[in-house]
Amino acid sequence: AGRVCEAATSNVFIVRGDRVLTPSLDSGCLPGAMRSVIMGLAERMDLICLETPLERNDLENSDEIFLTSAIRGPVPVSRLDERAFHATPVTDSIRAAWQDEICRG
């Protein structure tokens, strides 16, 4: 109980330092189209991308949270309950790399 799997229509990623974490497929999350793209981009950016079980407290203690969907790509979460996420440099970098990939398409 208390595990995070996905959002209503998107996959969940958190950033902690130079690590990008997302729930593994065996946790029950759907293999979203954007999920593997973002994991590959993160690795090419020399970020450590890991699939791992995530708990609610992992979200609360993360540096950043972002959601991914095929339509919107990676989108930063600006607030989780009372906590605001003001700066999202890793998410912004991943989003820029994703936009570059789309433009090269």
PDB file of N, CA and C in Angstrom:
ATOM      1  N   ALA A   1       0.846  -1.203   0.000  1.00  0.00           N
ATOM      2  CA  ALA A   1       0.000   0.000   0.000  1.00  0.00           C
ATOM      3  C   ALA A   1       0.873   1.242   0.000  1.00  0.00           C
ATOM      4  N   GLY A   2       0.361   2.300  -0.604  1.00  0.00           N
ATOM      5  CA  GLY A   2       1.111   3.543  -0.642  1.00  0.00           C
ATOM      6  C   GLY A   2       2.051   3.665  -1.818  1.00  0.00           C
ATOM      7  N   ARG A   3       2.076   2.655  -2.685  1.00  0.00           N
ATOM      8  CA  ARG A   3       2.959   2.712  -3.854  1.00  0.00           C
ATOM      9  C   ARG A   3       2.369   3.610  -4.925  1.00  0.00           C
ATOM     10  N   VAL A   4       3.264   4.284  -5.626  1.00  0.00           N
ATOM     11  CA  VAL A   4       2.880   5.134  -6.745  1.00  0.00           C
ATOM     12  C   VAL A   4       3.141   4.348  -8.019  1.00  0.00           C
ATOM     13  N   CYS A   5       2.166   4.343  -8.907  1.00  0.00           N
ATOM     14  CA  CYS A   5       2.316   3.595 -10.149  1.00  0.00           C
ATOM     15  C   CYS A   5       2.308   4.540 -11.347  1.00  0.00           C
ATOM     16  N   GLU A   6       1.260   5.343 -11.466  1.00  0.00           N
ATOM     17  CA  GLU A   6       1.121   6.257 -12.597  1.00  0.00           C
ATOM     18  C   GLU A   6       0.068   7.292 -12.254  1.00  0.00           C
ATOM     19  N   ALA A   7      -0.032   8.319 -13.084  1.00  0.00           N
ATOM     20  CA  ALA A   7      -1.114   9.289 -12.957  1.00  0.00           C
ATOM     21  C   ALA A   7      -2.269   8.792 -13.830  1.00  0.00           C
ATOM     22  N   ALA A   8      -3.359   9.535 -13.874  1.00  0.00           N
ATOM     23  CA  ALA A   8      -4.556   9.082 -14.590  1.00  0.00           C
ATOM     24  C   ALA A   8      -4.278   8.741 -16.052  1.00  0.00           C
ATOM     25  N   THR A   9      -3.506   9.582 -16.732  1.00  0.00           N
ATOM     26  CA  THR A   9      -3.231   9.342 -18.156  1.00  0.00           C
ATOM     27  C   THR A   9      -1.761   9.531 -18.494  1.00  0.00           C
ATOM     28  N   SER A  10      -0.893   9.356 -17.515  1.00  0.00           N
ATOM     29  CA  SER A  10       0.527   9.595 -17.772  1.00  0.00           C
ATOM     30  C   SER A  10       1.402   8.778 -16.833  1.00  0.00           C
ATOM     31  N   ASN A  11       2.657   8.605 -17.243  1.00  0.00           N
ATOM     32  CA  ASN A  11       3.650   7.953 -16.399  1.00  0.00           C
ATOM     33  C   ASN A  11       4.280   8.980 -15.472  1.00  0.00           C
ATOM     34  N   VAL A  12       4.744   8.510 -14.329  1.00  0.00           N
ATOM     35  CA  VAL A  12       5.324   9.368 -13.293  1.00  0.00           C
ATOM     36  C   VAL A  12       6.830   9.155 -13.240  1.00  0.00           C
ATOM     37  N   PHE A  13       7.560  10.264 -13.157  1.00  0.00           N
ATOM     38  CA  PHE A  13       9.006  10.249 -12.958  1.00  0.00           C
ATOM     39  C   PHE A  13       9.325  11.206 -11.822  1.00  0.00           C
ATOM     40  N   ILE A  14      10.332  10.873 -11.034  1.00  0.00           N
ATOM     41  CA  ILE A  14      10.843  11.824 -10.051  1.00  0.00           C
ATOM     42  C   ILE A  14      12.333  12.021 -10.304  1.00  0.00           C
ATOM     43  N   VAL A  15      12.820  13.158  -9.865  1.00  0.00           N
ATOM     44  CA  VAL A  15      14.244  13.474  -9.972  1.00  0.00           C
ATOM     45  C   VAL A  15      14.778  13.624  -8.561  1.00  0.00           C
ATOM     46  N   ARG A  16      15.872  12.937  -8.311  1.00  0.00           N
ATOM     47  CA  ARG A  16      16.577  13.062  -7.039  1.00  0.00           C
ATOM     48  C   ARG A  16      18.057  13.150  -7.375  1.00  0.00           C
ATOM     49  N   GLY A  17      18.608  14.373  -7.296  1.00  0.00           N
ATOM     50  CA  GLY A  17      20.001  14.580  -7.693  1.00  0.00           C
ATOM     51  C   GLY A  17      20.155  14.329  -9.180  1.00  0.00           C
ATOM     52  N   ASP A  18      21.089  13.436  -9.548  1.00  0.00           N
ATOM     53  CA  ASP A  18      21.289  13.109 -10.966  1.00  0.00           C
ATOM     54  C   ASP A  18      20.569  11.820 -11.354  1.00  0.00           C
ATOM     55  N   ARG A  19      19.622  11.419 -10.542  1.00  0.00           N
ATOM     56  CA  ARG A  19      18.863  10.195 -10.800  1.00  0.00           C
ATOM     57  C   ARG A  19      17.430  10.522 -11.207  1.00  0.00           C
ATOM     58  N   VAL A  20      16.988   9.847 -12.243  1.00  0.00           N
ATOM     59  CA  VAL A  20      15.600   9.939 -12.689  1.00  0.00           C
ATOM     60  C   VAL A  20      14.973   8.580 -12.396  1.00  0.00           C
ATOM     61  N   LEU A  21      13.940   8.577 -11.582  1.00  0.00           N
ATOM     62  CA  LEU A  21      13.327   7.331 -11.127  1.00  0.00           C
ATOM     63  C   LEU A  21      11.890   7.232 -11.621  1.00  0.00           C
ATOM     64  N   THR A  22      11.487   6.035 -11.985  1.00  0.00           N
ATOM     65  CA  THR A  22      10.115   5.780 -12.424  1.00  0.00           C
ATOM     66  C   THR A  22       9.728   4.370 -11.981  1.00  0.00           C
ATOM     67  N   PRO A  23       8.452   4.134 -11.704  1.00  0.00           N
ATOM     68  CA  PRO A  23       8.045   2.784 -11.314  1.00  0.00           C
ATOM     69  C   PRO A  23       8.323   1.776 -12.430  1.00  0.00           C
ATOM     70  N   SER A  24       8.689   0.573 -12.044  1.00  0.00           N
ATOM     71  CA  SER A  24       8.938  -0.479 -13.034  1.00  0.00           C
ATOM     72  C   SER A  24       7.612  -1.000 -13.579  1.00  0.00           C
ATOM     73  N   LEU A  25       7.672  -1.611 -14.745  1.00  0.00           N
ATOM     74  CA  LEU A  25       6.455  -2.145 -15.362  1.00  0.00           C
ATOM     75  C   LEU A  25       5.812  -3.226 -14.502  1.00  0.00           C
ATOM     76  N   ASP A  26       6.626  -3.975 -13.756  1.00  0.00           N
ATOM     77  CA  ASP A  26       6.031  -5.017 -12.915  1.00  0.00           C
ATOM     78  C   ASP A  26       5.302  -4.457 -11.700  1.00  0.00           C
ATOM     79  N   SER A  27       5.381  -3.135 -11.494  1.00  0.00           N
ATOM     80  CA  SER A  27       4.610  -2.504 -10.421  1.00  0.00           C
ATOM     81  C   SER A  27       3.159  -2.295 -10.838  1.00  0.00           C
ATOM     82  N   GLY A  28       2.884  -2.525 -12.130  1.00  0.00           N
ATOM     83  CA  GLY A  28       1.516  -2.383 -12.612  1.00  0.00           C
ATOM     84  C   GLY A  28       1.283  -1.177 -13.493  1.00  0.00           C
ATOM     85  N   CYS A  29       2.306  -0.351 -13.687  1.00  0.00           N
ATOM     86  CA  CYS A  29       2.108   0.824 -14.539  1.00  0.00           C
ATOM     87  C   CYS A  29       2.088   0.406 -16.006  1.00  0.00           C
ATOM     88  N   LEU A  30       1.424   1.206 -16.800  1.00  0.00           N
ATOM     89  CA  LEU A  30       1.345   0.928 -18.228  1.00  0.00           C
ATOM     90  C   LEU A  30       2.622   1.377 -18.929  1.00  0.00           C
ATOM     91  N   PRO A  31       3.039   0.653 -19.957  1.00  0.00           N
ATOM     92  CA  PRO A  31       4.241   1.048 -20.697  1.00  0.00           C
ATOM     93  C   PRO A  31       3.903   2.172 -21.680  1.00  0.00           C
ATOM     94  N   GLY A  32       3.729   3.380 -21.154  1.00  0.00           N
ATOM     95  CA  GLY A  32       3.369   4.518 -21.996  1.00  0.00           C
ATOM     96  C   GLY A  32       4.356   4.719 -23.136  1.00  0.00           C
ATOM     97  N   ALA A  33       3.846   5.217 -24.248  1.00  0.00           N
ATOM     98  CA  ALA A  33       4.689   5.436 -25.432  1.00  0.00           C
ATOM     99  C   ALA A  33       5.860   6.356 -25.125  1.00  0.00           C
ATOM    100  N   MET A  34       5.641   7.342 -24.296  1.00  0.00           N
ATOM    101  CA  MET A  34       6.679   8.326 -23.999  1.00  0.00           C
ATOM    102  C   MET A  34       7.665   7.833 -22.939  1.00  0.00           C
ATOM    103  N   ARG A  35       7.267   6.844 -22.167  1.00  0.00           N
ATOM    104  CA  ARG A  35       8.089   6.375 -21.045  1.00  0.00           C
ATOM    105  C   ARG A  35       9.473   5.923 -21.500  1.00  0.00           C
ATOM    106  N   SER A  36       9.534   5.037 -22.476  1.00  0.00           N
ATOM    107  CA  SER A  36      10.837   4.529 -22.925  1.00  0.00           C
ATOM    108  C   SER A  36      11.635   5.612 -23.641  1.00  0.00           C
ATOM    109  N   VAL A  37      10.954   6.513 -24.343  1.00  0.00           N
ATOM    110  CA  VAL A  37      11.644   7.633 -25.007  1.00  0.00           C
ATOM    111  C   VAL A  37      12.350   8.494 -23.965  1.00  0.00           C
ATOM    112  N   ILE A  38      11.644   8.836 -22.905  1.00  0.00           N
ATOM    113  CA  ILE A  38      12.209   9.696 -21.857  1.00  0.00           C
ATOM    114  C   ILE A  38      13.341   8.981 -21.131  1.00  0.00           C
ATOM    115  N   MET A  39      13.189   7.697 -20.878  1.00  0.00           N
ATOM    116  CA  MET A  39      14.264   6.949 -20.217  1.00  0.00           C
ATOM    117  C   MET A  39      15.526   6.953 -21.075  1.00  0.00           C
ATOM    118  N   GLY A  40      15.374   6.777 -22.374  1.00  0.00           N
ATOM    119  CA  GLY A  40      16.520   6.822 -23.281  1.00  0.00           C
ATOM    120  C   GLY A  40      17.163   8.194 -23.337  1.00  0.00           C
ATOM    121  N   LEU A  41      16.345   9.234 -23.395  1.00  0.00           N
ATOM    122  CA  LEU A  41      16.879  10.605 -23.403  1.00  0.00           C
ATOM    123  C   LEU A  41      17.663  10.887 -22.129  1.00  0.00           C
ATOM    124  N   ALA A  42      17.109  10.500 -20.995  1.00  0.00           N
ATOM    125  CA  ALA A  42      17.775  10.746 -19.711  1.00  0.00           C
ATOM    126  C   ALA A  42      19.143  10.075 -19.681  1.00  0.00           C
ATOM    127  N   GLU A  43      19.217   8.853 -20.165  1.00  0.00           N
ATOM    128  CA  GLU A  43      20.496   8.143 -20.176  1.00  0.00           C
ATOM    129  C   GLU A  43      21.495   8.806 -21.112  1.00  0.00           C
ATOM    130  N   ARG A  44      21.034   9.281 -22.273  1.00  0.00           N
ATOM    131  CA  ARG A  44      21.933   9.986 -23.197  1.00  0.00           C
ATOM    132  C   ARG A  44      22.406  11.315 -22.618  1.00  0.00           C
ATOM    133  N   MET A  45      21.664  11.848 -21.662  1.00  0.00           N
ATOM    134  CA  MET A  45      22.054  13.099 -21.006  1.00  0.00           C
ATOM    135  C   MET A  45      22.932  12.829 -19.784  1.00  0.00           C
ATOM    136  N   ASP A  46      23.404  11.589 -19.648  1.00  0.00           N
ATOM    137  CA  ASP A  46      24.247  11.162 -18.526  1.00  0.00           C
ATOM    138  C   ASP A  46      23.548  11.244 -17.178  1.00  0.00           C
ATOM    139  N   LEU A  47      22.240  11.100 -17.194  1.00  0.00           N
ATOM    140  CA  LEU A  47      21.485  10.968 -15.954  1.00  0.00           C
ATOM    141  C   LEU A  47      21.322   9.478 -15.680  1.00  0.00           C
ATOM    142  N   ILE A  48      21.256   9.114 -14.443  1.00  0.00           N
ATOM    143  CA  ILE A  48      21.037   7.725 -14.070  1.00  0.00           C
ATOM    144  C   ILE A  48      19.528   7.512 -14.041  1.00  0.00           C
ATOM    145  N   CYS A  49      19.042   6.647 -14.900  1.00  0.00           N
ATOM    146  CA  CYS A  49      17.602   6.401 -15.002  1.00  0.00           C
ATOM    147  C   CYS A  49      17.307   5.005 -14.468  1.00  0.00           C
ATOM    148  N   LEU A  50      16.501   4.930 -13.429  1.00  0.00           N
ATOM    149  CA  LEU A  50      16.227   3.656 -12.773  1.00  0.00           C
ATOM    150  C   LEU A  50      14.738   3.383 -12.677  1.00  0.00           C
ATOM    151  N   GLU A  51      14.375   2.129 -12.871  1.00  0.00           N
ATOM    152  CA  GLU A  51      13.020   1.673 -12.605  1.00  0.00           C
ATOM    153  C   GLU A  51      13.030   1.093 -11.197  1.00  0.00           C
ATOM    154  N   THR A  52      12.181   1.616 -10.342  1.00  0.00           N
ATOM    155  CA  THR A  52      12.181   1.209  -8.948  1.00  0.00           C
ATOM    156  C   THR A  52      10.808   1.445  -8.337  1.00  0.00           C
ATOM    157  N   PRO A  53      10.436   0.678  -7.332  1.00  0.00           N
ATOM    158  CA  PRO A  53       9.171   0.979  -6.661  1.00  0.00           C
ATOM    159  C   PRO A  53       9.225   2.384  -6.057  1.00  0.00           C
ATOM    160  N   LEU A  54       8.151   3.127  -6.211  1.00  0.00           N
ATOM    161  CA  LEU A  54       8.064   4.465  -5.633  1.00  0.00           C
ATOM    162  C   LEU A  54       6.921   4.515  -4.633  1.00  0.00           C
ATOM    163  N   GLU A  55       7.191   5.122  -3.514  1.00  0.00           N
ATOM    164  CA  GLU A  55       6.184   5.338  -2.476  1.00  0.00           C
ATOM    165  C   GLU A  55       5.791   6.813  -2.484  1.00  0.00           C
ATOM    166  N   ARG A  56       4.701   7.109  -1.847  1.00  0.00           N
ATOM    167  CA  ARG A  56       4.248   8.500  -1.736  1.00  0.00           C
ATOM    168  C   ARG A  56       5.353   9.389  -1.163  1.00  0.00           C
ATOM    169  N   ASN A  57       6.072   8.909  -0.147  1.00  0.00           N
ATOM    170  CA  ASN A  57       7.128   9.734   0.459  1.00  0.00           C
ATOM    171  C   ASN A  57       8.287   9.988  -0.502  1.00  0.00           C
ATOM    172  N   ASP A  58       8.484   9.123  -1.509  1.00  0.00           N
ATOM    173  CA  ASP A  58       9.503   9.387  -2.527  1.00  0.00           C
ATOM    174  C   ASP A  58       9.141  10.636  -3.320  1.00  0.00           C
ATOM    175  N   LEU A  59       7.863  10.794  -3.632  1.00  0.00           N
ATOM    176  CA  LEU A  59       7.414  12.001  -4.326  1.00  0.00           C
ATOM    177  C   LEU A  59       7.614  13.223  -3.443  1.00  0.00           C
ATOM    178  N   GLU A  60       7.232  13.093  -2.187  1.00  0.00           N
ATOM    179  CA  GLU A  60       7.340  14.215  -1.252  1.00  0.00           C
ATOM    180  C   GLU A  60       8.785  14.648  -1.041  1.00  0.00           C
ATOM    181  N   ASN A  61       9.730  13.706  -1.137  1.00  0.00           N
ATOM    182  CA  ASN A  61      11.143  14.007  -0.888  1.00  0.00           C
ATOM    183  C   ASN A  61      11.967  14.162  -2.161  1.00  0.00           C
ATOM    184  N   SER A  62      11.308  14.291  -3.299  1.00  0.00           N
ATOM    185  CA  SER A  62      12.033  14.423  -4.562  1.00  0.00           C
ATOM    186  C   SER A  62      12.414  15.874  -4.831  1.00  0.00           C
ATOM    187  N   ASP A  63      13.399  16.053  -5.703  1.00  0.00           N
ATOM    188  CA  ASP A  63      13.781  17.396  -6.143  1.00  0.00           C
ATOM    189  C   ASP A  63      12.796  17.919  -7.179  1.00  0.00           C
ATOM    190  N   GLU A  64      12.311  17.015  -8.017  1.00  0.00           N
ATOM    191  CA  GLU A  64      11.369  17.357  -9.080  1.00  0.00           C
ATOM    192  C   GLU A  64      10.466  16.157  -9.325  1.00  0.00           C
ATOM    193  N   ILE A  65       9.297  16.440  -9.868  1.00  0.00           N
ATOM    194  CA  ILE A  65       8.386  15.396 -10.342  1.00  0.00           C
ATOM    195  C   ILE A  65       7.940  15.822 -11.729  1.00  0.00           C
ATOM    196  N   PHE A  66       7.888  14.866 -12.660  1.00  0.00           N
ATOM    197  CA  PHE A  66       7.272  15.188 -13.939  1.00  0.00           C
ATOM    198  C   PHE A  66       6.447  14.014 -14.433  1.00  0.00           C
ATOM    199  N   LEU A  67       5.481  14.337 -15.271  1.00  0.00           N
ATOM    200  CA  LEU A  67       4.591  13.355 -15.867  1.00  0.00           C
ATOM    201  C   LEU A  67       4.854  13.322 -17.360  1.00  0.00           C
ATOM    202  N   THR A  68       4.613  12.183 -17.987  1.00  0.00           N
ATOM    203  CA  THR A  68       4.809  12.088 -19.434  1.00  0.00           C
ATOM    204  C   THR A  68       3.569  11.524 -20.098  1.00  0.00           C
ATOM    205  N   SER A  69       3.284  12.064 -21.266  1.00  0.00           N
ATOM    206  CA  SER A  69       2.222  11.514 -22.110  1.00  0.00           C
ATOM    207  C   SER A  69       2.637  11.724 -23.560  1.00  0.00           C
ATOM    208  N   ALA A  70       2.069  10.927 -24.444  1.00  0.00           N
ATOM    209  CA  ALA A  70       2.429  11.015 -25.861  1.00  0.00           C
ATOM    210  C   ALA A  70       2.047  12.363 -26.456  1.00  0.00           C
ATOM    211  N   ILE A  71       1.016  12.980 -25.953  1.00  0.00           N
ATOM    212  CA  ILE A  71       0.556  14.255 -26.508  1.00  0.00           C
ATOM    213  C   ILE A  71       1.371  15.433 -25.992  1.00  0.00           C
ATOM    214  N   ARG A  72       1.637  15.455 -24.693  1.00  0.00           N
ATOM    215  CA  ARG A  72       2.299  16.619 -24.094  1.00  0.00           C
ATOM    216  C   ARG A  72       3.776  16.423 -23.805  1.00  0.00           C
ATOM    217  N   GLY A  73       4.274  15.207 -23.901  1.00  0.00           N
ATOM    218  CA  GLY A  73       5.674  14.968 -23.564  1.00  0.00           C
ATOM    219  C   GLY A  73       5.881  15.070 -22.067  1.00  0.00           C
ATOM    220  N   PRO A  74       7.098  15.418 -21.628  1.00  0.00           N
ATOM    221  CA  PRO A  74       7.359  15.568 -20.199  1.00  0.00           C
ATOM    222  C   PRO A  74       6.856  16.923 -19.696  1.00  0.00           C
ATOM    223  N   VAL A  75       6.082  16.886 -18.622  1.00  0.00           N
ATOM    224  CA  VAL A  75       5.500  18.104 -18.052  1.00  0.00           C
ATOM    225  C   VAL A  75       5.829  18.145 -16.563  1.00  0.00           C
ATOM    226  N   PRO A  76       6.446  19.248 -16.089  1.00  0.00           N
ATOM    227  CA  PRO A  76       6.783  19.326 -14.668  1.00  0.00           C
ATOM    228  C   PRO A  76       5.542  19.444 -13.790  1.00  0.00           C
ATOM    229  N   VAL A  77       5.608  18.847 -12.623  1.00  0.00           N
ATOM    230  CA  VAL A  77       4.573  19.012 -11.603  1.00  0.00           C
ATOM    231  C   VAL A  77       4.976  20.227 -10.782  1.00  0.00           C
ATOM    232  N   SER A  78       4.087  21.184 -10.663  1.00  0.00           N
ATOM    233  CA  SER A  78       4.432  22.412  -9.943  1.00  0.00           C
ATOM    234  C   SER A  78       4.048  22.360  -8.470  1.00  0.00           C
ATOM    235  N   ARG A  79       3.133  21.465  -8.106  1.00  0.00           N
ATOM    236  CA  ARG A  79       2.702  21.401  -6.715  1.00  0.00           C
ATOM    237  C   ARG A  79       2.253  19.985  -6.373  1.00  0.00           C
ATOM    238  N   LEU A  80       2.636  19.554  -5.183  1.00  0.00           N
ATOM    239  CA  LEU A  80       2.160  18.299  -4.607  1.00  0.00           C
ATOM    240  C   LEU A  80       1.653  18.641  -3.220  1.00  0.00           C
ATOM    241  N   ASP A  81       0.361  18.622  -3.052  1.00  0.00           N
ATOM    242  CA  ASP A  81      -0.268  19.071  -1.808  1.00  0.00           C
ATOM    243  C   ASP A  81       0.203  20.490  -1.499  1.00  0.00           C
ATOM    244  N   GLU A  82       0.852  20.682  -0.370  1.00  0.00           N
ATOM    245  CA  GLU A  82       1.294  22.028   0.023  1.00  0.00           C
ATOM    246  C   GLU A  82       2.690  22.377  -0.487  1.00  0.00           C
ATOM    247  N   ARG A  83       3.375  21.421  -1.062  1.00  0.00           N
ATOM    248  CA  ARG A  83       4.751  21.669  -1.513  1.00  0.00           C
ATOM    249  C   ARG A  83       4.772  22.154  -2.957  1.00  0.00           C
ATOM    250  N   ALA A  84       5.423  23.288  -3.162  1.00  0.00           N
ATOM    251  CA  ALA A  84       5.587  23.824  -4.514  1.00  0.00           C
ATOM    252  C   ALA A  84       6.971  23.453  -5.031  1.00  0.00           C
ATOM    253  N   PHE A  85       7.029  23.111  -6.305  1.00  0.00           N
ATOM    254  CA  PHE A  85       8.291  22.839  -6.985  1.00  0.00           C
ATOM    255  C   PHE A  85       8.544  24.032  -7.898  1.00  0.00           C
ATOM    256  N   HIS A  86       9.430  24.931  -7.467  1.00  0.00           N
ATOM    257  CA  HIS A  86       9.656  26.176  -8.207  1.00  0.00           C
ATOM    258  C   HIS A  86      10.636  26.005  -9.360  1.00  0.00           C
ATOM    259  N   ALA A  87      11.708  25.294  -9.128  1.00  0.00           N
ATOM    260  CA  ALA A  87      12.736  25.108 -10.167  1.00  0.00           C
ATOM    261  C   ALA A  87      12.712  23.652 -10.613  1.00  0.00           C
ATOM    262  N   THR A  88      12.729  23.454 -11.923  1.00  0.00           N
ATOM    263  CA  THR A  88      12.721  22.091 -12.462  1.00  0.00           C
ATOM    264  C   THR A  88      13.780  21.964 -13.562  1.00  0.00           C
ATOM    265  N   PRO A  89      15.061  22.177 -13.228  1.00  0.00           N
ATOM    266  CA  PRO A  89      16.099  22.193 -14.263  1.00  0.00           C
ATOM    267  C   PRO A  89      16.278  20.864 -14.997  1.00  0.00           C
ATOM    268  N   VAL A  90      16.185  19.744 -14.310  1.00  0.00           N
ATOM    269  CA  VAL A  90      16.360  18.457 -14.982  1.00  0.00           C
ATOM    270  C   VAL A  90      15.172  18.192 -15.906  1.00  0.00           C
ATOM    271  N   THR A  91      13.981  18.422 -15.405  1.00  0.00           N
ATOM    272  CA  THR A  91      12.787  18.249 -16.241  1.00  0.00           C
ATOM    273  C   THR A  91      12.843  19.166 -17.450  1.00  0.00           C
ATOM    274  N   ASP A  92      13.249  20.407 -17.242  1.00  0.00           N
ATOM    275  CA  ASP A  92      13.347  21.361 -18.352  1.00  0.00           C
ATOM    276  C   ASP A  92      14.356  20.881 -19.397  1.00  0.00           C
ATOM    277  N   SER A  93      15.473  20.323 -18.947  1.00  0.00           N
ATOM    278  CA  SER A  93      16.490  19.803 -19.873  1.00  0.00           C
ATOM    279  C   SER A  93      15.970  18.596 -20.647  1.00  0.00           C
ATOM    280  N   ILE A  94      15.271  17.709 -19.952  1.00  0.00           N
ATOM    281  CA  ILE A  94      14.693  16.540 -20.621  1.00  0.00           C
ATOM    282  C   ILE A  94      13.636  16.987 -21.626  1.00  0.00           C
ATOM    283  N   ARG A  95      12.829  17.961 -21.246  1.00  0.00           N
ATOM    284  CA  ARG A  95      11.797  18.466 -22.166  1.00  0.00           C
ATOM    285  C   ARG A  95      12.438  19.087 -23.412  1.00  0.00           C
ATOM    286  N   ALA A  96      13.514  19.861 -23.226  1.00  0.00           N
ATOM    287  CA  ALA A  96      14.209  20.470 -24.368  1.00  0.00           C
ATOM    288  C   ALA A  96      14.784  19.392 -25.287  1.00  0.00           C
ATOM    289  N   ALA A  97      15.371  18.347 -24.713  1.00  0.00           N
ATOM    290  CA  ALA A  97      15.922  17.247 -25.518  1.00  0.00           C
ATOM    291  C   ALA A  97      14.805  16.526 -26.268  1.00  0.00           C
ATOM    292  N   TRP A  98      13.659  16.343 -25.615  1.00  0.00           N
ATOM    293  CA  TRP A  98      12.507  15.712 -26.266  1.00  0.00           C
ATOM    294  C   TRP A  98      12.013  16.571 -27.434  1.00  0.00           C
ATOM    295  N   GLN A  99      11.944  17.885 -27.225  1.00  0.00           N
ATOM    296  CA  GLN A  99      11.502  18.780 -28.299  1.00  0.00           C
ATOM    297  C   GLN A  99      12.473  18.736 -29.480  1.00  0.00           C
ATOM    298  N   ASP A 100      13.780  18.661 -29.193  1.00  0.00           N
ATOM    299  CA  ASP A 100      14.774  18.521 -30.265  1.00  0.00           C
ATOM    300  C   ASP A 100      14.536  17.237 -31.060  1.00  0.00           C
ATOM    301  N   GLU A 101      14.239  16.142 -30.360  1.00  0.00           N
ATOM    302  CA  GLU A 101      13.964  14.861 -31.033  1.00  0.00           C
ATOM    303  C   GLU A 101      12.735  14.984 -31.929  1.00  0.00           C
ATOM    304  N   ILE A 102      11.707  15.651 -31.441  1.00  0.00           N
ATOM    305  CA  ILE A 102      10.467  15.826 -32.214  1.00  0.00           C
ATOM    306  C   ILE A 102      10.752  16.632 -33.479  1.00  0.00           C
ATOM    307  N   CYS A 103      11.534  17.696 -33.345  1.00  0.00           N
ATOM    308  CA  CYS A 103      11.848  18.555 -34.495  1.00  0.00           C
ATOM    309  C   CYS A 103      12.660  17.806 -35.546  1.00  0.00           C
ATOM    310  N   ARG A 104      13.548  16.900 -35.098  1.00  0.00           N
ATOM    311  CA  ARG A 104      14.357  16.119 -36.035  1.00  0.00           C
ATOM    312  C   ARG A 104      13.539  15.030 -36.706  1.00  0.00           C
ATOM    313  N   GLY A 105      12.477  14.598 -35.982  1.00  0.00           N
ATOM    314  CA  GLY A 105      11.529  13.590 -36.339  1.00  0.00           C
ATOM    315  C   GLY A 105      11.714  12.853 -37.543  1.00  0.00           C
TER     316      GLY A 105
END
